[in-house]
Amino acid sequence: YELSFLKDYHLKLEAYYQYIDHAPVESQVSSFSMLNAGAD
């Protein structure tokens, strides 16, 4: 939702949902996921 008012004011509101699948994980049982890559 977006709203412009008083000539020079702007408001924007967004709600979002994202579902990810086929992410690379280890074949053996572990907590690893490539979705965490880039944090280190």
All heavy atoms as atom14 arrays in JSON, in Angstrom:
{
  "sequence": "YELSFLKDYHLKLEAYYQYIDHAPVESQVSSFSMLNAGAD",
  "atom14_mask": [
    [1, 1, 1, 1, 1, 1, 1, 1, 1, 1, 1, 1, 0, 0],
    [1, 1, 1, 1, 1, 1, 1, 1, 1, 0, 0, 0, 0, 0],
    [1, 1, 1, 1, 1, 1, 1, 1, 0, 0, 0, 0, 0, 0],
    [1, 1, 1, 1, 1, 1, 0, 0, 0, 0, 0, 0, 0, 0],
    [1, 1, 1, 1, 1, 1, 1, 1, 1, 1, 1, 0, 0, 0],
    [1, 1, 1, 1, 1, 1, 1, 1, 0, 0, 0, 0, 0, 0],
    [1, 1, 1, 1, 1, 1, 1, 1, 1, 0, 0, 0, 0, 0],
    [1, 1, 1, 1, 1, 1, 1, 1, 0, 0, 0, 0, 0, 0],
    [1, 1, 1, 1, 1, 1, 1, 1, 1, 1, 1, 1, 0, 0],
    [1, 1, 1, 1, 1, 1, 1, 1, 1, 1, 0, 0, 0, 0],
    [1, 1, 1, 1, 1, 1, 1, 1, 0, 0, 0, 0, 0, 0],
    [1, 1, 1, 1, 1, 1, 1, 1, 1, 0, 0, 0, 0, 0],
    [1, 1, 1, 1, 1, 1, 1, 1, 0, 0, 0, 0, 0, 0],
    [1, 1, 1, 1, 1, 1, 1, 1, 1, 0, 0, 0, 0, 0],
    [1, 1, 1, 1, 1, 0, 0, 0, 0, 0, 0, 0, 0, 0],
    [1, 1, 1, 1, 1, 1, 1, 1, 1, 1, 1, 1, 0, 0],
    [1, 1, 1, 1, 1, 1, 1, 1, 1, 1, 1, 1, 0, 0],
    [1, 1, 1, 1, 1, 1, 1, 1, 1, 0, 0, 0, 0, 0],
    [1, 1, 1, 1, 1, 1, 1, 1, 1, 1, 1, 1, 0, 0],
    [1, 1, 1, 1, 1, 1, 1, 1, 0, 0, 0, 0, 0, 0],
    [1, 1, 1, 1, 1, 1, 1, 1, 0, 0, 0, 0, 0, 0],
    [1, 1, 1, 1, 1, 1, 1, 1, 1, 1, 0, 0, 0, 0],
    [1, 1, 1, 1, 1, 0, 0, 0, 0, 0, 0, 0, 0, 0],
    [1, 1, 1, 1, 1, 1, 1, 0, 0, 0, 0, 0, 0, 0],
    [1, 1, 1, 1, 1, 1, 1, 0, 0, 0, 0, 0, 0, 0],
    [1, 1, 1, 1, 1, 1, 1, 1, 1, 0, 0, 0, 0, 0],
    [1, 1, 1, 1, 1, 1, 0, 0, 0, 0, 0, 0, 0, 0],
    [1, 1, 1, 1, 1, 1, 1, 1, 1, 0, 0, 0, 0, 0],
    [1, 1, 1, 1, 1, 1, 1, 0, 0, 0, 0, 0, 0, 0],
    [1, 1, 1, 1, 1, 1, 0, 0, 0, 0, 0, 0, 0, 0],
    [1, 1, 1, 1, 1, 1, 0, 0, 0, 0, 0, 0, 0, 0],
    [1, 1, 1, 1, 1, 1, 1, 1, 1, 1, 1, 0, 0, 0],
    [1, 1, 1, 1, 1, 1, 0, 0, 0, 0, 0, 0, 0, 0],
    [1, 1, 1, 1, 1, 1, 1, 1, 0, 0, 0, 0, 0, 0],
    [1, 1, 1, 1, 1, 1, 1, 1, 0, 0, 0, 0, 0, 0],
    [1, 1, 1, 1, 1, 1, 1, 1, 0, 0, 0, 0, 0, 0],
    [1, 1, 1, 1, 1, 0, 0, 0, 0, 0, 0, 0, 0, 0],
    [1, 1, 1, 1, 0, 0, 0, 0, 0, 0, 0, 0, 0, 0],
    [1, 1, 1, 1, 1, 0, 0, 0, 0, 0, 0, 0, 0, 0],
    [1, 1, 1, 1, 1, 1, 1, 1, 0, 0, 0, 0, 0, 0]
  ],
  "atom14_positions": [
    [[0.87, -1.19, 0.0], [0.0, 0.0, 0.0], [0.9, 1.23, 0.0], [1.85, 1.31, 0.77], [-0.92, 0.0, 1.23], [-1.75, 1.26, 1.36], [-2.88, 1.46, 0.57], [-1.4, 2.24, 2.29], [-3.64, 2.62, 0.69], [-2.15, 3.4, 2.42], [-3.27, 3.58, 1.61], [-4.02, 4.73, 1.73], [0.0, 0.0, 0.0], [0.0, 0.0, 0.0]],
    [[0.59, 2.19, -0.88], [1.37, 3.41, -0.96], [0.45, 4.62, -0.93], [-0.65, 4.59, -1.48], [2.21, 3.45, -2.24], [3.36, 2.47, -2.25], [4.34, 2.71, -3.4], [4.85, 3.84, -3.49], [4.57, 1.77, -4.17], [0.0, 0.0, 0.0], [0.0, 0.0, 0.0], [0.0, 0.0, 0.0], [0.0, 0.0, 0.0], [0.0, 0.0, 0.0]],
    [[0.94, 5.7, -0.29], [0.15, 6.92, -0.18], [1.08, 8.13, -0.22], [2.08, 8.19, 0.51], [-0.63, 6.92, 1.14], [-1.42, 8.2, 1.45], [-2.55, 8.39, 0.43], [-1.98, 8.15, 2.88], [0.0, 0.0, 0.0], [0.0, 0.0, 0.0], [0.0, 0.0, 0.0], [0.0, 0.0, 0.0], [0.0, 0.0, 0.0], [0.0, 0.0, 0.0]],
    [[0.79, 9.08, -1.09], [1.51, 10.36, -1.15], [0.56, 11.45, -0.67], [-0.61, 11.5, -1.09], [1.98, 10.66, -2.57], [2.93, 9.69, -3.0], [0.0, 0.0, 0.0], [0.0, 0.0, 0.0], [0.0, 0.0, 0.0], [0.0, 0.0, 0.0], [0.0, 0.0, 0.0], [0.0, 0.0, 0.0], [0.0, 0.0, 0.0], [0.0, 0.0, 0.0]],
    [[1.05, 12.33, 0.21], [0.19, 13.36, 0.77], [1.0, 14.6, 1.15], [2.24, 14.54, 1.26], [-0.57, 12.83, 1.99], [0.3, 12.33, 3.1], [0.56, 13.12, 4.21], [0.87, 11.06, 3.04], [1.36, 12.66, 5.24], [1.68, 10.59, 4.08], [1.92, 11.4, 5.17], [0.0, 0.0, 0.0], [0.0, 0.0, 0.0], [0.0, 0.0, 0.0]],
    [[0.32, 15.71, 1.31], [0.93, 16.99, 1.67], [2.1, 17.36, 0.75], [3.11, 17.92, 1.18], [1.4, 16.98, 3.13], [0.31, 16.8, 4.18], [0.92, 16.74, 5.57], [-0.72, 17.93, 4.1], [0.0, 0.0, 0.0], [0.0, 0.0, 0.0], [0.0, 0.0, 0.0], [0.0, 0.0, 0.0], [0.0, 0.0, 0.0], [0.0, 0.0, 0.0]],
    [[1.99, 16.99, -0.53], [2.94, 17.33, -1.59], [4.29, 16.64, -1.48], [4.84, 16.17, -2.47], [3.16, 18.85, -1.66], [1.92, 19.62, -2.09], [2.23, 21.1, -2.21], [0.99, 21.86, -2.67], [1.26, 23.32, -2.8], [0.0, 0.0, 0.0], [0.0, 0.0, 0.0], [0.0, 0.0, 0.0], [0.0, 0.0, 0.0], [0.0, 0.0, 0.0]],
    [[4.87, 16.58, -0.29], [6.24, 16.05, -0.17], [6.38, 14.91, 0.83], [7.47, 14.63, 1.3], [7.22, 17.18, 0.19], [6.75, 18.01, 1.37], [5.71, 17.67, 1.96], [7.42, 19.0, 1.71], [0.0, 0.0, 0.0], [0.0, 0.0, 0.0], [0.0, 0.0, 0.0], [0.0, 0.0, 0.0], [0.0, 0.0, 0.0], [0.0, 0.0, 0.0]],
    [[5.28, 14.25, 1.17], [5.33, 13.11, 2.08], [4.92, 11.83, 1.33], [4.04, 11.86, 0.46], [4.4, 13.3, 3.28], [4.93, 14.29, 4.29], [4.76, 15.65, 4.11], [5.59, 13.85, 5.43], [5.24, 16.57, 5.04], [6.08, 14.75, 6.37], [5.89, 16.11, 6.17], [6.38, 17.01, 7.08], [0.0, 0.0, 0.0], [0.0, 0.0, 0.0]],
    [[5.55, 10.73, 1.72], [5.26, 9.46, 1.05], [5.26, 8.33, 2.09], [6.18, 8.22, 2.91], [6.31, 9.18, -0.03], [6.12, 7.89, -0.75], [7.03, 6.86, -0.72], [5.08, 7.44, -1.52], [6.59, 5.84, -1.42], [5.41, 6.16, -1.93], [0.0, 0.0, 0.0], [0.0, 0.0, 0.0], [0.0, 0.0, 0.0], [0.0, 0.0, 0.0]],
    [[4.25, 7.49, 2.04], [4.11, 6.36, 2.97], [4.0, 5.08, 2.16], [3.26, 5.02, 1.17], [2.86, 6.54, 3.84], [2.49, 5.36, 4.77], [3.53, 5.2, 5.87], [1.11, 5.58, 5.37], [0.0, 0.0, 0.0], [0.0, 0.0, 0.0], [0.0, 0.0, 0.0], [0.0, 0.0, 0.0], [0.0, 0.0, 0.0], [0.0, 0.0, 0.0]],
    [[4.72, 4.05, 2.58], [4.66, 2.76, 1.91], [4.63, 1.65, 2.96], [5.43, 1.63, 3.89], [5.88, 2.57, 1.0], [5.88, 1.27, 0.22], [7.09, 1.18, -0.69], [7.11, -0.1, -1.49], [8.3, -0.2, -2.37], [0.0, 0.0, 0.0], [0.0, 0.0, 0.0], [0.0, 0.0, 0.0], [0.0, 0.0, 0.0], [0.0, 0.0, 0.0]],
    [[3.71, 0.71, 2.78], [3.55, -0.42, 3.7], [3.49, -1.7, 2.89], [2.76, -1.79, 1.91], [2.27, -0.25, 4.53], [1.99, -1.3, 5.62], [3.06, -1.25, 6.71], [0.62, -1.08, 6.21], [0.0, 0.0, 0.0], [0.0, 0.0, 0.0], [0.0, 0.0, 0.0], [0.0, 0.0, 0.0], [0.0, 0.0, 0.0], [0.0, 0.0, 0.0]],
    [[4.28, -2.71, 3.29], [4.32, -3.98, 2.58], [4.31, -5.15, 3.54], [4.99, -5.12, 4.57], [5.58, -4.08, 1.7], [5.44, -3.49, 0.33], [6.62, -3.84, -0.56], [7.58, -4.47, -0.09], [6.57, -3.47, -1.75], [0.0, 0.0, 0.0], [0.0, 0.0, 0.0], [0.0, 0.0, 0.0], [0.0, 0.0, 0.0], [0.0, 0.0, 0.0]],
    [[3.56, -6.17, 3.19], [3.61, -7.46, 3.88], [4.02, -8.5, 2.85], [3.59, -8.45, 1.69], [2.25, -7.81, 4.48], [0.0, 0.0, 0.0], [0.0, 0.0, 0.0], [0.0, 0.0, 0.0], [0.0, 0.0, 0.0], [0.0, 0.0, 0.0], [0.0, 0.0, 0.0], [0.0, 0.0, 0.0], [0.0, 0.0, 0.0], [0.0, 0.0, 0.0]],
    [[4.88, -9.45, 3.24], [5.39, -10.4, 2.27], [5.57, -11.79, 2.9], [5.7, -11.93, 4.12], [6.73, -9.93, 1.7], [7.84, -9.87, 2.72], [8.66, -10.96, 2.98], [8.06, -8.71, 3.46], [9.67, -10.92, 3.92], [9.06, -8.65, 4.41], [9.86, -9.74, 4.64], [10.85, -9.69, 5.59], [0.0, 0.0, 0.0], [0.0, 0.0, 0.0]],
    [[5.54, -12.79, 2.02], [5.84, -14.17, 2.42], [6.64, -14.82, 1.29], [6.32, -14.66, 0.11], [4.56, -14.97, 2.67], [4.83, -16.42, 3.02], [5.22, -16.79, 4.3], [4.73, -17.42, 2.05], [5.49, -18.12, 4.61], [4.99, -18.74, 2.35], [5.38, -19.09, 3.64], [5.65, -20.39, 3.94], [0.0, 0.0, 0.0], [0.0, 0.0, 0.0]],
    [[7.69, -15.53, 1.65], [8.53, -16.23, 0.67], [8.76, -17.66, 1.15], [9.19, -17.87, 2.29], [9.87, -15.51, 0.51], [10.82, -16.21, -0.47], [12.22, -15.63, -0.45], [12.72, -15.25, 0.61], [12.85, -15.55, -1.61], [0.0, 0.0, 0.0], [0.0, 0.0, 0.0], [0.0, 0.0, 0.0], [0.0, 0.0, 0.0], [0.0, 0.0, 0.0]],
    [[8.49, -18.61, 0.26], [8.78, -20.02, 0.56], [9.88, -20.49, -0.39], [9.82, -20.27, -1.6], [7.54, -20.88, 0.39], [7.79, -22.34, 0.71], [7.87, -22.76, 2.03], [7.96, -23.28, -0.3], [8.12, -24.1, 2.34], [8.21, -24.62, 0.0], [8.29, -25.01, 1.33], [8.55, -26.33, 1.63], [0.0, 0.0, 0.0], [0.0, 0.0, 0.0]],
    [[10.88, -21.15, 0.16], [12.04, -21.6, -0.6], [12.14, -23.11, -0.51], [12.0, -23.69, 0.58], [13.34, -20.98, -0.05], [13.24, -19.45, -0.04], [14.56, -21.42, -0.86], [14.35, -18.77, 0.74], [0.0, 0.0, 0.0], [0.0, 0.0, 0.0], [0.0, 0.0, 0.0], [0.0, 0.0, 0.0], [0.0, 0.0, 0.0], [0.0, 0.0, 0.0]],
    [[12.37, -23.77, -1.65], [12.63, -25.2, -1.62], [13.78, -25.53, -2.59], [14.31, -24.66, -3.26], [11.37, -26.01, -1.94], [10.86, -25.78, -3.34], [11.38, -24.87, -4.03], [9.93, -26.49, -3.76], [0.0, 0.0, 0.0], [0.0, 0.0, 0.0], [0.0, 0.0, 0.0], [0.0, 0.0, 0.0], [0.0, 0.0, 0.0], [0.0, 0.0, 0.0]],
    [[14.17, -26.79, -2.59], [15.33, -27.25, -3.36], [16.62, -26.54, -2.93], [17.54, -26.38, -3.73], [15.11, -27.05, -4.87], [14.2, -28.07, -5.48], [12.9, -28.24, -5.05], [14.38, -28.96, -6.49], [12.32, -29.17, -5.76], [13.2, -29.65, -6.64], [0.0, 0.0, 0.0], [0.0, 0.0, 0.0], [0.0, 0.0, 0.0], [0.0, 0.0, 0.0]],
    [[16.69, -26.12, -1.68], [17.92, -25.5, -1.19], [18.97, -26.58, -0.91], [18.63, -27.66, -0.41], [17.65, -24.71, 0.1], [0.0, 0.0, 0.0], [0.0, 0.0, 0.0], [0.0, 0.0, 0.0], [0.0, 0.0, 0.0], [0.0, 0.0, 0.0], [0.0, 0.0, 0.0], [0.0, 0.0, 0.0], [0.0, 0.0, 0.0], [0.0, 0.0, 0.0]],
    [[20.24, -26.35, -1.23], [21.28, -27.35, -0.99], [21.52, -27.59, 0.51], [21.74, -26.66, 1.27], [22.53, -26.73, -1.64], [21.99, -25.75, -2.64], [20.75, -25.21, -2.01], [0.0, 0.0, 0.0], [0.0, 0.0, 0.0], [0.0, 0.0, 0.0], [0.0, 0.0, 0.0], [0.0, 0.0, 0.0], [0.0, 0.0, 0.0], [0.0, 0.0, 0.0]],
    [[21.44, -28.86, 0.9], [21.77, -29.3, 2.27], [22.65, -30.53, 2.15], [22.82, -31.1, 1.08], [20.49, -29.62, 3.08], [19.64, -28.37, 3.25], [19.68, -30.72, 2.4], [0.0, 0.0, 0.0], [0.0, 0.0, 0.0], [0.0, 0.0, 0.0], [0.0, 0.0, 0.0], [0.0, 0.0, 0.0], [0.0, 0.0, 0.0], [0.0, 0.0, 0.0]],
    [[23.24, -30.94, 3.27], [24.12, -32.11, 3.23], [23.32, -33.4, 3.12], [22.21, -33.51, 3.66], [25.0, -32.14, 4.48], [26.06, -31.04, 4.49], [26.98, -31.14, 5.68], [26.51, -31.45, 6.78], [28.19, -30.89, 5.5], [0.0, 0.0, 0.0], [0.0, 0.0, 0.0], [0.0, 0.0, 0.0], [0.0, 0.0, 0.0], [0.0, 0.0, 0.0]],
    [[23.88, -34.38, 2.42], [23.19, -35.67, 2.27], [23.12, -36.41, 3.6], [22.16, -37.13, 3.86], [23.89, -36.53, 1.21], [25.27, -36.7, 1.53], [0.0, 0.0, 0.0], [0.0, 0.0, 0.0], [0.0, 0.0, 0.0], [0.0, 0.0, 0.0], [0.0, 0.0, 0.0], [0.0, 0.0, 0.0], [0.0, 0.0, 0.0], [0.0, 0.0, 0.0]],
    [[24.14, -36.26, 4.44], [24.06, -36.84, 5.78], [23.27, -35.9, 6.69], [23.13, -34.72, 6.41], [25.46, -37.09, 6.37], [26.27, -35.85, 6.67], [27.13, -35.4, 5.51], [26.82, -35.69, 4.36], [28.21, -34.69, 5.82], [0.0, 0.0, 0.0], [0.0, 0.0, 0.0], [0.0, 0.0, 0.0], [0.0, 0.0, 0.0], [0.0, 0.0, 0.0]],
    [[22.75, -36.41, 7.79], [21.9, -35.63, 8.69], [22.72, -34.53, 9.36], [23.7, -34.8, 10.06], [21.25, -36.54, 9.75], [20.46, -35.71, 10.75], [20.35, -37.57, 9.08], [0.0, 0.0, 0.0], [0.0, 0.0, 0.0], [0.0, 0.0, 0.0], [0.0, 0.0, 0.0], [0.0, 0.0, 0.0], [0.0, 0.0, 0.0], [0.0, 0.0, 0.0]],
    [[22.31, -33.27, 9.13], [23.0, -32.14, 9.76], [22.11, -30.91, 9.67], [21.08, -30.91, 9.0], [24.35, -31.85, 9.07], [24.16, -31.17, 7.86], [0.0, 0.0, 0.0], [0.0, 0.0, 0.0], [0.0, 0.0, 0.0], [0.0, 0.0, 0.0], [0.0, 0.0, 0.0], [0.0, 0.0, 0.0], [0.0, 0.0, 0.0], [0.0, 0.0, 0.0]],
    [[22.53, -29.83, 10.33], [21.77, -28.58, 10.31], [22.21, -27.66, 9.17], [21.66, -26.58, 9.0], [21.97, -27.84, 11.65], [23.34, -27.44, 11.8], [0.0, 0.0, 0.0], [0.0, 0.0, 0.0], [0.0, 0.0, 0.0], [0.0, 0.0, 0.0], [0.0, 0.0, 0.0], [0.0, 0.0, 0.0], [0.0, 0.0, 0.0], [0.0, 0.0, 0.0]],
    [[23.18, -28.08, 8.38], [23.73, -27.2, 7.33], [22.69, -26.92, 6.24], [21.95, -27.79, 5.82], [24.95, -27.84, 6.69], [25.48, -27.06, 5.5], [26.32, -25.98, 5.69], [25.08, -27.39, 4.21], [26.77, -25.24, 4.6], [25.54, -26.66, 3.11], [26.39, -25.58, 3.32], [0.0, 0.0, 0.0], [0.0, 0.0, 0.0], [0.0, 0.0, 0.0]],
    [[22.69, -25.66, 5.76], [21.92, -25.27, 4.59], [22.64, -24.13, 3.9], [23.16, -23.22, 4.55], [20.51, -24.83, 4.98], [19.83, -24.31, 3.85], [0.0, 0.0, 0.0], [0.0, 0.0, 0.0], [0.0, 0.0, 0.0], [0.0, 0.0, 0.0], [0.0, 0.0, 0.0], [0.0, 0.0, 0.0], [0.0, 0.0, 0.0], [0.0, 0.0, 0.0]],
    [[22.64, -24.18, 2.58], [23.27, -23.1, 1.81], [22.51, -21.79, 1.95], [23.02, -20.73, 1.59], [23.36, -23.51, 0.34], [24.28, -22.64, -0.5], [26.0, -22.68, 0.03], [26.49, -24.31, -0.58], [0.0, 0.0, 0.0], [0.0, 0.0, 0.0], [0.0, 0.0, 0.0], [0.0, 0.0, 0.0], [0.0, 0.0, 0.0], [0.0, 0.0, 0.0]],
    [[21.32, -21.81, 2.52], [20.57, -20.59, 2.75], [21.26, -19.68, 3.77], [20.94, -18.49, 3.85], [19.15, -20.92, 3.24], [18.25, -21.65, 2.24], [16.88, -21.91, 2.85], [18.11, -20.86, 0.95], [0.0, 0.0, 0.0], [0.0, 0.0, 0.0], [0.0, 0.0, 0.0], [0.0, 0.0, 0.0], [0.0, 0.0, 0.0], [0.0, 0.0, 0.0]],
    [[22.2, -20.22, 4.54], [22.94, -19.41, 5.5], [24.27, -18.89, 4.92], [25.01, -18.2, 5.61], [23.23, -20.22, 6.77], [21.97, -20.55, 7.53], [21.13, -19.7, 7.79], [21.8, -21.83, 7.87], [0.0, 0.0, 0.0], [0.0, 0.0, 0.0], [0.0, 0.0, 0.0], [0.0, 0.0, 0.0], [0.0, 0.0, 0.0], [0.0, 0.0, 0.0]],
    [[24.56, -19.23, 3.68], [25.81, -18.79, 3.07], [25.84, -17.27, 2.96], [24.85, -16.64, 2.62], [25.97, -19.41, 1.68], [0.0, 0.0, 0.0], [0.0, 0.0, 0.0], [0.0, 0.0, 0.0], [0.0, 0.0, 0.0], [0.0, 0.0, 0.0], [0.0, 0.0, 0.0], [0.0, 0.0, 0.0], [0.0, 0.0, 0.0], [0.0, 0.0, 0.0]],
    [[26.99, -16.7, 3.26], [27.15, -15.25, 3.22], [27.12, -14.6, 4.58], [27.46, -13.42, 4.71], [0.0, 0.0, 0.0], [0.0, 0.0, 0.0], [0.0, 0.0, 0.0], [0.0, 0.0, 0.0], [0.0, 0.0, 0.0], [0.0, 0.0, 0.0], [0.0, 0.0, 0.0], [0.0, 0.0, 0.0], [0.0, 0.0, 0.0], [0.0, 0.0, 0.0]],
    [[26.73, -15.33, 5.61], [26.69, -14.75, 6.95], [28.08, -14.71, 7.6], [28.33, -13.91, 8.49], [25.74, -15.55, 7.85], [0.0, 0.0, 0.0], [0.0, 0.0, 0.0], [0.0, 0.0, 0.0], [0.0, 0.0, 0.0], [0.0, 0.0, 0.0], [0.0, 0.0, 0.0], [0.0, 0.0, 0.0], [0.0, 0.0, 0.0], [0.0, 0.0, 0.0]],
    [[28.97, -15.59, 7.15], [30.34, -15.62, 7.68], [31.29, -14.94, 6.71], [30.92, -14.54, 5.61], [30.78, -17.07, 7.91], [29.94, -17.77, 8.98], [29.54, -17.09, 9.93], [29.69, -18.98, 8.83], [0.0, 0.0, 0.0], [0.0, 0.0, 0.0], [0.0, 0.0, 0.0], [0.0, 0.0, 0.0], [0.0, 0.0, 0.0], [0.0, 0.0, 0.0]]
  ]
}
